[in-house]
C-alpha atoms as a PDB file:
ATOM      1  CA  UNK A   1      46.128  88.496 137.726  1.00  0.00           C
ATOM      2  CA  UNK A   2      49.722  89.239 138.528  1.00  0.00           C
ATOM      3  CA  UNK A   3      50.904  92.772 139.217  1.00  0.00           C
ATOM      4  CA  UNK A   4      54.140  93.391 137.440  1.00  0.00           C
ATOM      5  CA  UNK A   5      55.077  97.036 137.415  1.00  0.00           C
ATOM      6  CA  UNK A   6      58.497  96.574 135.197  1.00  0.00           C
ATOM      7  CA  UNK A   7      59.520  99.010 132.681  1.00  0.00           C
ATOM      8  CA  UNK A   8      59.142  97.902 129.220  1.00  0.00           C
ATOM      9  CA  UNK A   9      60.046  99.202 125.565  1.00  0.00           C
ATOM     10  CA  UNK A  10      56.933  99.752 123.427  1.00  0.00           C
ATOM     11  CA  UNK A  11      56.921 100.083 119.701  1.00  0.00           C
ATOM     12  CA  UNK A  12      53.752 102.463 118.675  1.00  0.00           C
ATOM     13  CA  UNK A  13      51.786 102.577 115.444  1.00  0.00           C
ATOM     14  CA  UNK A  14      50.678 105.534 113.289  1.00  0.00           C
ATOM     15  CA  UNK A  15      47.566 105.854 115.764  1.00  0.00           C
ATOM     16  CA  UNK A  16      49.883 106.118 118.934  1.00  0.00           C
ATOM     17  CA  UNK A  17      48.639 102.668 120.340  1.00  0.00           C
ATOM     18  CA  UNK A  18      51.053  99.793 120.908  1.00  0.00           C
ATOM     19  CA  UNK A  19      51.996  97.312 118.289  1.00  0.00           C
ATOM     20  CA  UNK A  20      54.515  95.361 120.239  1.00  0.00           C
ATOM     21  CA  UNK A  21      56.492  95.631 123.355  1.00  0.00           C
ATOM     22  CA  UNK A  22      59.818  94.208 124.709  1.00  0.00           C
ATOM     23  CA  UNK A  23      59.536  92.775 128.368  1.00  0.00           C
ATOM     24  CA  UNK A  24      62.243  90.407 130.186  1.00  0.00           C
ATOM     25  CA  UNK A  25      64.382  90.193 126.794  1.00  0.00           C
ATOM     26  CA  UNK A  26      61.630  89.121 124.688  1.00  0.00           C
ATOM     27  CA  UNK A  27      59.359  90.776 121.924  1.00  0.00           C
ATOM     28  CA  UNK A  28      55.503  90.464 122.383  1.00  0.00           C
ATOM     29  CA  UNK A  29      53.388  91.645 119.538  1.00  0.00           C
ATOM     30  CA  UNK A  30      50.403  93.083 120.245  1.00  0.00           C
ATOM     31  CA  UNK A  31      47.095  91.311 118.738  1.00  0.00           C
ATOM     32  CA  UNK A  32      44.608  93.983 119.440  1.00  0.00           C
ATOM     33  CA  UNK A  33      43.826  96.862 121.968  1.00  0.00           C
ATOM     34  CA  UNK A  34      41.035  95.837 123.978  1.00  0.00           C
ATOM     35  CA  UNK A  35      40.362  99.156 126.182  1.00  0.00           C
ATOM     36  CA  UNK A  36      42.496 102.518 127.116  1.00  0.00           C
ATOM     37  CA  UNK A  37      41.651 104.740 129.987  1.00  0.00           C
ATOM     38  CA  UNK A  38      43.152 107.461 132.255  1.00  0.00           C
ATOM     39  CA  UNK A  39      43.733 107.396 136.230  1.00  0.00           C
ATOM     40  CA  UNK A  40      44.196 110.327 138.118  1.00  0.00           C
ATOM     41  CA  UNK A  41      45.036 110.190 141.656  1.00  0.00           C
ATOM     42  CA  UNK A  42      43.756 112.743 144.189  1.00  0.00           C
ATOM     43  CA  UNK A  43      42.311 114.658 141.595  1.00  0.00           C
ATOM     44  CA  UNK A  44      40.333 116.876 144.141  1.00  0.00           C
ATOM     45  CA  UNK A  45      43.465 118.397 145.389  1.00  0.00           C
ATOM     46  CA  UNK A  46      45.587 121.052 143.537  1.00  0.00           C
ATOM     47  CA  UNK A  47      48.537 118.746 144.221  1.00  0.00           C
ATOM     48  CA  UNK A  48      46.751 115.716 142.652  1.00  0.00           C
ATOM     49  CA  UNK A  49      48.249 116.209 139.169  1.00  0.00           C
ATOM     50  CA  UNK A  50      49.604 112.630 138.730  1.00  0.00           C
ATOM     51  CA  UNK A  51      47.693 111.016 135.803  1.00  0.00           C
ATOM     52  CA  UNK A  52      48.590 107.991 134.169  1.00  0.00           C
ATOM     53  CA  UNK A  53      47.198 106.567 130.676  1.00  0.00           C
ATOM     54  CA  UNK A  54      46.551 102.879 130.397  1.00  0.00           C
ATOM     55  CA  UNK A  55      46.033 100.579 127.609  1.00  0.00           C
ATOM     56  CA  UNK A  56      44.683  97.046 127.746  1.00  0.00           C
ATOM     57  CA  UNK A  57      46.221  94.943 125.014  1.00  0.00           C
ATOM     58  CA  UNK A  58      46.031  91.086 123.768  1.00  0.00           C
ATOM     59  CA  UNK A  59      49.639  89.882 123.393  1.00  0.00           C
ATOM     60  CA  UNK A  60      50.821  86.951 121.380  1.00  0.00           C
ATOM     61  CA  UNK A  61      52.504  84.435 123.111  1.00  0.00           C
ATOM     62  CA  UNK A  62      51.001  85.011 126.594  1.00  0.00           C
ATOM     63  CA  UNK A  63      48.638  82.049 126.336  1.00  0.00           C
ATOM     64  CA  UNK A  64      45.664  84.060 125.865  1.00  0.00           C
ATOM     65  CA  UNK A  65      46.419  86.274 128.748  1.00  0.00           C
ATOM     66  CA  UNK A  66      45.917  90.157 128.397  1.00  0.00           C
ATOM     67  CA  UNK A  67      48.353  92.587 129.491  1.00  0.00           C
ATOM     68  CA  UNK A  68      47.660  96.095 131.069  1.00  0.00           C
ATOM     69  CA  UNK A  69      50.266  98.442 129.626  1.00  0.00           C
ATOM     70  CA  UNK A  70      50.527 102.095 131.295  1.00  0.00           C
ATOM     71  CA  UNK A  71      52.427 104.967 130.345  1.00  0.00           C
ATOM     72  CA  UNK A  72      53.439 107.841 133.009  1.00  0.00           C
ATOM     73  CA  UNK A  73      52.450 111.384 131.297  1.00  0.00           C
ATOM     74  CA  UNK A  74      55.403 112.842 133.116  1.00  0.00           C
ATOM     75  CA  UNK A  75      57.774 111.321 130.979  1.00  0.00           C
ATOM     76  CA  UNK A  76      59.132 108.221 133.080  1.00  0.00           C
ATOM     77  CA  UNK A  77      58.066 105.774 130.221  1.00  0.00           C
ATOM     78  CA  UNK A  78      56.103 102.691 129.864  1.00  0.00           C
ATOM     79  CA  UNK A  79      55.603  99.896 132.223  1.00  0.00           C
ATOM     80  CA  UNK A  80      53.993  96.666 132.053  1.00  0.00           C
ATOM     81  CA  UNK A  81      51.418  96.977 135.016  1.00  0.00           C
ATOM     82  CA  UNK A  82      49.496  93.835 135.380  1.00  0.00           C
ATOM     83  CA  UNK A  83      49.469  90.463 133.439  1.00  0.00           C
ATOM     84  CA  UNK A  84      45.598  89.313 133.321  1.00  0.00           C
ATOM     85  CA  UNK A  85      45.497  85.479 133.100  1.00  0.00           C
END
C-alpha cells in the first residue's frame, strides 16, 4: 500500500461513480468500483463535521492494483488517497 494524497481529475458516470481519472498526466480508466464508504472525523463532537466519501476502484494499467479514490464533501475536490498493490 502506498499513501499518495494527490489531487486528481475524475470523470463520473450517470450513477455518480468514477469511470476514469487523470493522475500524473495520465488517464486511468476505471474497470470496476469495488466498494464505497464514508468516514467522519470526531463525529462525537459538534465541531467534528469533516466527512469524506471514498470509492475503492480497480483501474486499468495499474498492474492489478486497486486505488482508493476520495472526495471531500466540503468541495476541495477529488484526491487519490492510496494505491493498494
